[in-house]
Amino acid sequence: RIVDPDNMRTSLLLVSGLLAAFPAASLSGASVVQGSATAGLVAQRPGYLLSSTSIIAGGSRLTLRGGCAEAAAPDGEEKKEFNLDAWKRLYSNTDDTASIMKEFWDTFDKEGWSMWFTEYKNNEDYQKRIMASNLIGGWFQRLDATGTRKVAFGNVHVFGDEPALEIAGCWLVKGQEVPQEFKDVVDFEQWDWIKVDTDSEEQRKVCENYMCWDEEGYGKGRKWGAGKTYK
């Protein structure tokens, strides 16, 4: 078959012009007619998509699809989602809890998570510290049965001297309400829940008292006696 040199030159110039005009273009799904003098000139390049392409000696037909919509978007400074498991690992592996509290608040997502103080309603029923500690442990076991570990982290403590003991805690939970996993446990009605204002420095400090197991403080001048962590 004889190929007209002028037509071949025209095709070559057309392809070169397109690649120059669309430097990020790719010629995908190209169909080269058998015997075409331009076979082998079609190459993959990222970005623009030129599809349904036929290059024929003497002319060409190009169809643009998608424009530059498939080009990668610029990287933004998007805040990472708070990771409960990562926080639990950090908390477990750090001896000096106070040293990681800044990191906790820096990564805390107040839109997706909330914090709550819990106060046990019937303190007079537990006048021995060991009994109060067993109460907390039993509550944690029942919470496990509803899958609470997936949505919560907390510290619950026993304060004061026998027999005048107080049982109270601080929880980090997923969402803006007390999760259903807590409500599905029979103990739920035995606790008062007070939502923490995480923008308040004073209330943040009380949360830190609970997480750091401080000897005193807790917003009420409480004296720490025993505690358990739910993680």
C-alpha atoms as a PDB file:
ATOM      1  CA  ARG A   1       0.000   0.000   0.000  1.00  0.00           C
ATOM      2  CA  ILE A   2       1.329   3.453  -0.920  1.00  0.00           C
ATOM      3  CA  VAL A   3       1.019   6.139   1.741  1.00  0.00           C
ATOM      4  CA  ASP A   4       0.816   9.746   0.624  1.00  0.00           C
ATOM      5  CA  PRO A   5       3.787  11.510   2.338  1.00  0.00           C
ATOM      6  CA  ASP A   6       1.805  14.759   2.633  1.00  0.00           C
ATOM      7  CA  ASN A   7      -1.043  13.042   4.478  1.00  0.00           C
ATOM      8  CA  MET A   8       1.380  11.246   6.821  1.00  0.00           C
ATOM      9  CA  ARG A   9       3.123  14.540   7.592  1.00  0.00           C
ATOM     10  CA  THR A  10      -0.250  16.154   8.338  1.00  0.00           C
ATOM     11  CA  SER A  11      -1.145  13.388  10.819  1.00  0.00           C
ATOM     12  CA  LEU A  12       2.195  13.595  12.578  1.00  0.00           C
ATOM     13  CA  LEU A  13       1.885  17.361  12.969  1.00  0.00           C
ATOM     14  CA  LEU A  14      -1.667  17.001  14.311  1.00  0.00           C
ATOM     15  CA  VAL A  15      -0.642  14.488  16.990  1.00  0.00           C
ATOM     16  CA  SER A  16       2.350  16.572  18.003  1.00  0.00           C
ATOM     17  CA  GLY A  17       0.161  19.642  18.269  1.00  0.00           C
ATOM     18  CA  LEU A  18      -2.354  17.874  20.510  1.00  0.00           C
ATOM     19  CA  LEU A  19       0.309  16.575  22.878  1.00  0.00           C
ATOM     20  CA  ALA A  20       1.756  20.057  23.144  1.00  0.00           C
ATOM     21  CA  ALA A  21      -1.656  21.649  23.754  1.00  0.00           C
ATOM     22  CA  PHE A  22      -2.592  19.077  26.423  1.00  0.00           C
ATOM     23  CA  PRO A  23       0.681  18.277  28.235  1.00  0.00           C
ATOM     24  CA  ALA A  24      -1.160  16.241  30.872  1.00  0.00           C
ATOM     25  CA  ALA A  25      -3.252  14.347  28.314  1.00  0.00           C
ATOM     26  CA  SER A  26      -3.516  10.631  27.804  1.00  0.00           C
ATOM     27  CA  LEU A  27      -4.707   8.970  24.637  1.00  0.00           C
ATOM     28  CA  SER A  28      -6.651   6.033  26.023  1.00  0.00           C
ATOM     29  CA  GLY A  29      -8.549   3.388  24.178  1.00  0.00           C
ATOM     30  CA  ALA A  30      -6.840   4.480  20.945  1.00  0.00           C
ATOM     31  CA  SER A  31      -7.679   2.599  17.814  1.00  0.00           C
ATOM     32  CA  VAL A  32      -5.059   2.687  15.075  1.00  0.00           C
ATOM     33  CA  VAL A  33      -6.272   1.519  11.686  1.00  0.00           C
ATOM     34  CA  GLN A  34      -4.175  -1.334  10.353  1.00  0.00           C
ATOM     35  CA  GLY A  35      -1.502  -0.014   8.061  1.00  0.00           C
ATOM     36  CA  SER A  36      -1.654   3.505   9.469  1.00  0.00           C
ATOM     37  CA  ALA A  37       1.598   5.366   9.124  1.00  0.00           C
ATOM     38  CA  THR A  38       1.154   6.780  12.644  1.00  0.00           C
ATOM     39  CA  ALA A  39       1.002   3.429  14.466  1.00  0.00           C
ATOM     40  CA  GLY A  40       3.092   3.498  17.637  1.00  0.00           C
ATOM     41  CA  LEU A  41       2.786   7.252  18.164  1.00  0.00           C
ATOM     42  CA  VAL A  42      -0.100   6.991  20.631  1.00  0.00           C
ATOM     43  CA  ALA A  43       1.208   6.996  24.219  1.00  0.00           C
ATOM     44  CA  GLN A  44      -0.351   6.984  27.696  1.00  0.00           C
ATOM     45  CA  ARG A  45      -0.012  10.224  29.657  1.00  0.00           C
ATOM     46  CA  PRO A  46      -1.763  11.046  32.980  1.00  0.00           C
ATOM     47  CA  GLY A  47      -4.523  13.588  33.333  1.00  0.00           C
ATOM     48  CA  TYR A  48      -6.770  14.389  30.368  1.00  0.00           C
ATOM     49  CA  LEU A  49      -8.546  11.518  28.659  1.00  0.00           C
ATOM     50  CA  LEU A  50      -8.908  11.405  24.913  1.00  0.00           C
ATOM     51  CA  SER A  51     -11.068   8.436  24.053  1.00  0.00           C
ATOM     52  CA  SER A  52     -12.650   6.844  21.013  1.00  0.00           C
ATOM     53  CA  THR A  53      -9.568   7.936  19.105  1.00  0.00           C
ATOM     54  CA  SER A  54      -8.913   6.923  15.523  1.00  0.00           C
ATOM     55  CA  ILE A  55      -5.882   8.107  13.615  1.00  0.00           C
ATOM     56  CA  ILE A  56      -6.028   7.481   9.896  1.00  0.00           C
ATOM     57  CA  ALA A  57      -3.645   8.470   7.167  1.00  0.00           C
ATOM     58  CA  GLY A  58      -5.013  11.678   5.814  1.00  0.00           C
ATOM     59  CA  GLY A  59      -7.087  12.742   8.884  1.00  0.00           C
ATOM     60  CA  SER A  60      -7.984  12.139  12.533  1.00  0.00           C
ATOM     61  CA  ARG A  61     -10.970  12.156  14.899  1.00  0.00           C
ATOM     62  CA  LEU A  62     -10.425  12.952  18.568  1.00  0.00           C
ATOM     63  CA  THR A  63     -13.051  13.010  21.339  1.00  0.00           C
ATOM     64  CA  LEU A  64     -12.297  14.629  24.707  1.00  0.00           C
ATOM     65  CA  ARG A  65     -13.835  12.914  27.748  1.00  0.00           C
ATOM     66  CA  GLY A  66     -13.800  14.192  31.304  1.00  0.00           C
ATOM     67  CA  GLY A  67     -11.621  17.248  30.825  1.00  0.00           C
ATOM     68  CA  CYS A  68      -9.230  17.685  33.739  1.00  0.00           C
ATOM     69  CA  ALA A  69     -11.686  16.431  36.358  1.00  0.00           C
ATOM     70  CA  GLU A  70      -9.602  13.322  36.916  1.00  0.00           C
ATOM     71  CA  ALA A  71      -6.487  15.270  37.802  1.00  0.00           C
ATOM     72  CA  ALA A  72      -5.443  14.934  41.421  1.00  0.00           C
ATOM     73  CA  ALA A  73      -6.775  17.643  43.720  1.00  0.00           C
ATOM     74  CA  PRO A  74      -4.245  19.716  45.655  1.00  0.00           C
ATOM     75  CA  ASP A  75      -3.464  18.440  49.095  1.00  0.00           C
ATOM     76  CA  GLY A  76      -5.428  20.243  51.805  1.00  0.00           C
ATOM     77  CA  GLU A  77      -4.825  20.600  55.491  1.00  0.00           C
ATOM     78  CA  GLU A  78      -7.616  18.281  56.549  1.00  0.00           C
ATOM     79  CA  LYS A  79      -7.721  17.344  60.213  1.00  0.00           C
ATOM     80  CA  LYS A  80      -7.382  13.638  60.848  1.00  0.00           C
ATOM     81  CA  GLU A  81     -10.273  11.810  62.447  1.00  0.00           C
ATOM     82  CA  PHE A  82      -9.810  11.123  66.146  1.00  0.00           C
ATOM     83  CA  ASN A  83      -8.682   7.518  66.559  1.00  0.00           C
ATOM     84  CA  LEU A  84      -9.945   5.914  69.765  1.00  0.00           C
ATOM     85  CA  ASP A  85      -7.750   2.813  69.529  1.00  0.00           C
ATOM     86  CA  ALA A  86      -4.625   4.920  68.954  1.00  0.00           C
ATOM     87  CA  TRP A  87      -5.456   7.003  72.025  1.00  0.00           C
ATOM     88  CA  LYS A  88      -5.986   3.872  74.145  1.00  0.00           C
ATOM     89  CA  ARG A  89      -2.607   2.484  73.061  1.00  0.00           C
ATOM     90  CA  LEU A  90      -0.859   5.763  73.839  1.00  0.00           C
ATOM     91  CA  TYR A  91      -2.567   5.980  77.228  1.00  0.00           C
ATOM     92  CA  SER A  92      -1.647   2.388  78.101  1.00  0.00           C
ATOM     93  CA  ASN A  93       1.989   2.768  77.058  1.00  0.00           C
ATOM     94  CA  THR A  94       2.666   6.097  78.796  1.00  0.00           C
ATOM     95  CA  ASP A  95       3.664   6.170  82.452  1.00  0.00           C
ATOM     96  CA  ASP A  96       3.359   9.935  82.825  1.00  0.00           C
ATOM     97  CA  THR A  97      -0.202  10.554  81.640  1.00  0.00           C
ATOM     98  CA  ALA A  98       0.093  14.295  82.215  1.00  0.00           C
ATOM     99  CA  SER A  99       2.741  14.416  79.477  1.00  0.00           C
ATOM    100  CA  ILE A 100       0.238  13.329  76.798  1.00  0.00           C
ATOM    101  CA  MET A 101      -2.734  15.456  77.774  1.00  0.00           C
ATOM    102  CA  LYS A 102      -1.788  18.255  75.370  1.00  0.00           C
ATOM    103  CA  GLU A 103      -1.687  15.733  72.528  1.00  0.00           C
ATOM    104  CA  PHE A 104      -5.085  14.436  73.572  1.00  0.00           C
ATOM    105  CA  TRP A 105      -6.714  17.866  73.424  1.00  0.00           C
ATOM    106  CA  ASP A 106      -4.912  18.763  70.184  1.00  0.00           C
ATOM    107  CA  THR A 107      -6.365  15.710  68.432  1.00  0.00           C
ATOM    108  CA  PHE A 108      -9.745  15.635  70.191  1.00  0.00           C
ATOM    109  CA  ASP A 109     -12.614  15.988  67.707  1.00  0.00           C
ATOM    110  CA  LYS A 110     -15.410  17.757  69.553  1.00  0.00           C
ATOM    111  CA  GLU A 111     -17.760  17.386  66.593  1.00  0.00           C
ATOM    112  CA  GLY A 112     -17.536  13.616  66.473  1.00  0.00           C
ATOM    113  CA  TRP A 113     -16.852  12.896  70.164  1.00  0.00           C
ATOM    114  CA  SER A 114     -17.976  14.166  73.560  1.00  0.00           C
ATOM    115  CA  MET A 115     -16.991  13.827  77.197  1.00  0.00           C
ATOM    116  CA  TRP A 116     -19.198  13.137  80.198  1.00  0.00           C
ATOM    117  CA  PHE A 117     -18.911  13.125  83.974  1.00  0.00           C
ATOM    118  CA  THR A 118     -20.762  10.311  85.743  1.00  0.00           C
ATOM    119  CA  GLU A 119     -21.893  10.372  89.378  1.00  0.00           C
ATOM    120  CA  TYR A 120     -23.166   7.247  91.118  1.00  0.00           C
ATOM    121  CA  LYS A 121     -26.552   7.884  92.720  1.00  0.00           C
ATOM    122  CA  ASN A 122     -26.432   5.424  95.644  1.00  0.00           C
ATOM    123  CA  ASN A 123     -23.061   5.959  97.327  1.00  0.00           C
ATOM    124  CA  GLU A 124     -24.478   5.096 100.750  1.00  0.00           C
ATOM    125  CA  ASP A 125     -24.885   1.481  99.619  1.00  0.00           C
ATOM    126  CA  TYR A 126     -21.100   1.083  99.294  1.00  0.00           C
ATOM    127  CA  GLN A 127     -19.271   2.015 102.464  1.00  0.00           C
ATOM    128  CA  LYS A 128     -16.212  -0.179 101.875  1.00  0.00           C
ATOM    129  CA  ARG A 129     -13.665   0.709  99.205  1.00  0.00           C
ATOM    130  CA  ILE A 130     -13.378  -2.890  98.007  1.00  0.00           C
ATOM    131  CA  MET A 131     -17.149  -3.051  97.535  1.00  0.00           C
ATOM    132  CA  ALA A 132     -17.152   0.180  95.557  1.00  0.00           C
ATOM    133  CA  SER A 133     -14.296  -1.085  93.373  1.00  0.00           C
ATOM    134  CA  ASN A 134     -16.191  -4.312  92.716  1.00  0.00           C
ATOM    135  CA  LEU A 135     -19.217  -2.269  91.688  1.00  0.00           C
ATOM    136  CA  ILE A 136     -17.126  -0.485  89.055  1.00  0.00           C
ATOM    137  CA  GLY A 137     -15.597  -3.738  87.823  1.00  0.00           C
ATOM    138  CA  GLY A 138     -19.010  -5.369  87.448  1.00  0.00           C
ATOM    139  CA  TRP A 139     -20.290  -2.372  85.502  1.00  0.00           C
ATOM    140  CA  PHE A 140     -17.325  -2.599  83.119  1.00  0.00           C
ATOM    141  CA  GLN A 141     -17.987  -6.295  82.513  1.00  0.00           C
ATOM    142  CA  ARG A 142     -21.604  -5.619  81.621  1.00  0.00           C
ATOM    143  CA  LEU A 143     -20.548  -2.803  79.309  1.00  0.00           C
ATOM    144  CA  ASP A 144     -18.304  -5.246  77.462  1.00  0.00           C
ATOM    145  CA  ALA A 145     -21.346  -7.352  76.621  1.00  0.00           C
ATOM    146  CA  THR A 146     -22.853  -4.480  74.617  1.00  0.00           C
ATOM    147  CA  GLY A 147     -19.668  -3.627  72.682  1.00  0.00           C
ATOM    148  CA  THR A 148     -18.972  -0.405  74.564  1.00  0.00           C
ATOM    149  CA  ARG A 149     -15.191  -0.633  74.125  1.00  0.00           C
ATOM    150  CA  LYS A 150     -15.641   0.293  70.465  1.00  0.00           C
ATOM    151  CA  VAL A 151     -17.171   3.663  71.317  1.00  0.00           C
ATOM    152  CA  ALA A 152     -15.846   4.690  74.727  1.00  0.00           C
ATOM    153  CA  PHE A 153     -12.899   5.203  77.051  1.00  0.00           C
ATOM    154  CA  GLY A 154     -13.200   6.149  80.695  1.00  0.00           C
ATOM    155  CA  ASN A 155     -11.909   6.296  84.234  1.00  0.00           C
ATOM    156  CA  VAL A 156     -14.139   5.687  87.255  1.00  0.00           C
ATOM    157  CA  HIS A 157     -12.831   6.319  90.764  1.00  0.00           C
ATOM    158  CA  VAL A 158     -13.695   5.889  94.400  1.00  0.00           C
ATOM    159  CA  PHE A 159     -13.191   9.012  96.520  1.00  0.00           C
ATOM    160  CA  GLY A 160     -13.091   9.762 100.217  1.00  0.00           C
ATOM    161  CA  ASP A 161     -12.647   7.709 103.360  1.00  0.00           C
ATOM    162  CA  GLU A 162     -14.776   4.824 104.554  1.00  0.00           C
ATOM    163  CA  PRO A 163     -17.667   4.822 105.135  1.00  0.00           C
ATOM    164  CA  ALA A 164     -18.367   8.167 103.365  1.00  0.00           C
ATOM    165  CA  LEU A 165     -17.354   7.138  99.854  1.00  0.00           C
ATOM    166  CA  GLU A 166     -18.234   8.691  96.492  1.00  0.00           C
ATOM    167  CA  ILE A 167     -18.074   6.904  93.128  1.00  0.00           C
ATOM    168  CA  ALA A 168     -17.670   9.049  90.014  1.00  0.00           C
ATOM    169  CA  GLY A 169     -16.053   8.956  86.598  1.00  0.00           C
ATOM    170  CA  CYS A 170     -15.215  10.697  83.350  1.00  0.00           C
ATOM    171  CA  TRP A 171     -15.940   9.229  79.898  1.00  0.00           C
ATOM    172  CA  LEU A 172     -14.915   9.918  76.324  1.00  0.00           C
ATOM    173  CA  VAL A 173     -17.626   8.632  73.970  1.00  0.00           C
ATOM    174  CA  LYS A 174     -18.366   8.659  70.257  1.00  0.00           C
ATOM    175  CA  GLY A 175     -21.104  11.099  69.296  1.00  0.00           C
ATOM    176  CA  GLN A 176     -22.836  13.903  71.157  1.00  0.00           C
ATOM    177  CA  GLU A 177     -25.142  11.751  73.266  1.00  0.00           C
ATOM    178  CA  VAL A 178     -24.555   8.908  75.697  1.00  0.00           C
ATOM    179  CA  PRO A 179     -24.158   5.866  73.397  1.00  0.00           C
ATOM    180  CA  GLN A 180     -26.870   3.227  73.297  1.00  0.00           C
ATOM    181  CA  GLU A 181     -24.294   0.682  74.465  1.00  0.00           C
ATOM    182  CA  PHE A 182     -24.440   2.289  77.922  1.00  0.00           C
ATOM    183  CA  LYS A 183     -28.217   2.490  77.939  1.00  0.00           C
ATOM    184  CA  ASP A 184     -28.534  -1.218  77.184  1.00  0.00           C
ATOM    185  CA  VAL A 185     -26.899  -2.070  80.521  1.00  0.00           C
ATOM    186  CA  VAL A 186     -29.069  -2.313  83.649  1.00  0.00           C
ATOM    187  CA  ASP A 187     -26.659  -0.065  85.571  1.00  0.00           C
ATOM    188  CA  PHE A 188     -27.451   2.926  83.382  1.00  0.00           C
ATOM    189  CA  GLU A 189     -30.224   4.282  85.594  1.00  0.00           C
ATOM    190  CA  GLN A 190     -27.917   4.241  88.624  1.00  0.00           C
ATOM    191  CA  TRP A 191     -25.712   6.992  87.207  1.00  0.00           C
ATOM    192  CA  ASP A 192     -26.156  10.698  86.594  1.00  0.00           C
ATOM    193  CA  TRP A 193     -24.562  11.902  83.346  1.00  0.00           C
ATOM    194  CA  ILE A 194     -23.275  15.479  83.015  1.00  0.00           C
ATOM    195  CA  LYS A 195     -21.916  16.588  79.658  1.00  0.00           C
ATOM    196  CA  VAL A 196     -18.490  18.219  79.760  1.00  0.00           C
ATOM    197  CA  ASP A 197     -17.964  21.625  78.183  1.00  0.00           C
ATOM    198  CA  THR A 198     -14.701  20.786  76.445  1.00  0.00           C
ATOM    199  CA  ASP A 199     -14.108  24.463  75.652  1.00  0.00           C
ATOM    200  CA  SER A 200     -13.885  25.203  79.382  1.00  0.00           C
ATOM    201  CA  GLU A 201     -10.340  25.106  80.735  1.00  0.00           C
ATOM    202  CA  GLU A 202     -11.716  24.384  84.204  1.00  0.00           C
ATOM    203  CA  GLN A 203     -13.695  21.344  83.051  1.00  0.00           C
ATOM    204  CA  ARG A 204     -10.808  20.132  80.932  1.00  0.00           C
ATOM    205  CA  LYS A 205      -8.671  20.166  84.046  1.00  0.00           C
ATOM    206  CA  VAL A 206     -11.190  17.956  85.857  1.00  0.00           C
ATOM    207  CA  CYS A 207     -11.105  15.518  82.913  1.00  0.00           C
ATOM    208  CA  GLU A 208      -7.327  15.435  83.245  1.00  0.00           C
ATOM    209  CA  ASN A 209      -7.649  14.730  86.986  1.00  0.00           C
ATOM    210  CA  TYR A 210      -9.626  11.610  86.132  1.00  0.00           C
ATOM    211  CA  MET A 211      -7.306  10.436  83.352  1.00  0.00           C
ATOM    212  CA  CYS A 212      -4.149  11.115  85.369  1.00  0.00           C
ATOM    213  CA  TRP A 213      -5.514   9.570  88.581  1.00  0.00           C
ATOM    214  CA  ASP A 214      -4.542  12.680  90.521  1.00  0.00           C
ATOM    215  CA  GLU A 215      -4.477  12.411  94.305  1.00  0.00           C
ATOM    216  CA  GLU A 216      -6.889  15.309  94.726  1.00  0.00           C
ATOM    217  CA  GLY A 217      -8.880  17.897  92.815  1.00  0.00           C
ATOM    218  CA  TYR A 218     -11.648  16.685  90.498  1.00  0.00           C
ATOM    219  CA  GLY A 219     -13.458  19.999  90.753  1.00  0.00           C
ATOM    220  CA  LYS A 220     -14.765  19.237  94.232  1.00  0.00           C
ATOM    221  CA  GLY A 221     -11.637  18.888  96.316  1.00  0.00           C
ATOM    222  CA  ARG A 222     -12.090  15.127  96.306  1.00  0.00           C
ATOM    223  CA  LYS A 223      -9.517  12.784  97.769  1.00  0.00           C
ATOM    224  CA  TRP A 224      -8.712   9.852  95.488  1.00  0.00           C
ATOM    225  CA  GLY A 225      -8.915   6.341  96.958  1.00  0.00           C
ATOM    226  CA  ALA A 226      -9.130   3.777  94.125  1.00  0.00           C
ATOM    227  CA  GLY A 227      -9.948   3.612  90.440  1.00  0.00           C
ATOM    228  CA  LYS A 228     -10.375   1.596  87.274  1.00  0.00           C
ATOM    229  CA  THR A 229      -9.807   2.446  83.615  1.00  0.00           C
ATOM    230  CA  TYR A 230     -12.124   1.275  80.850  1.00  0.00           C
ATOM    231  CA  LYS A 231     -10.139   0.968  77.632  1.00  0.00           C
END
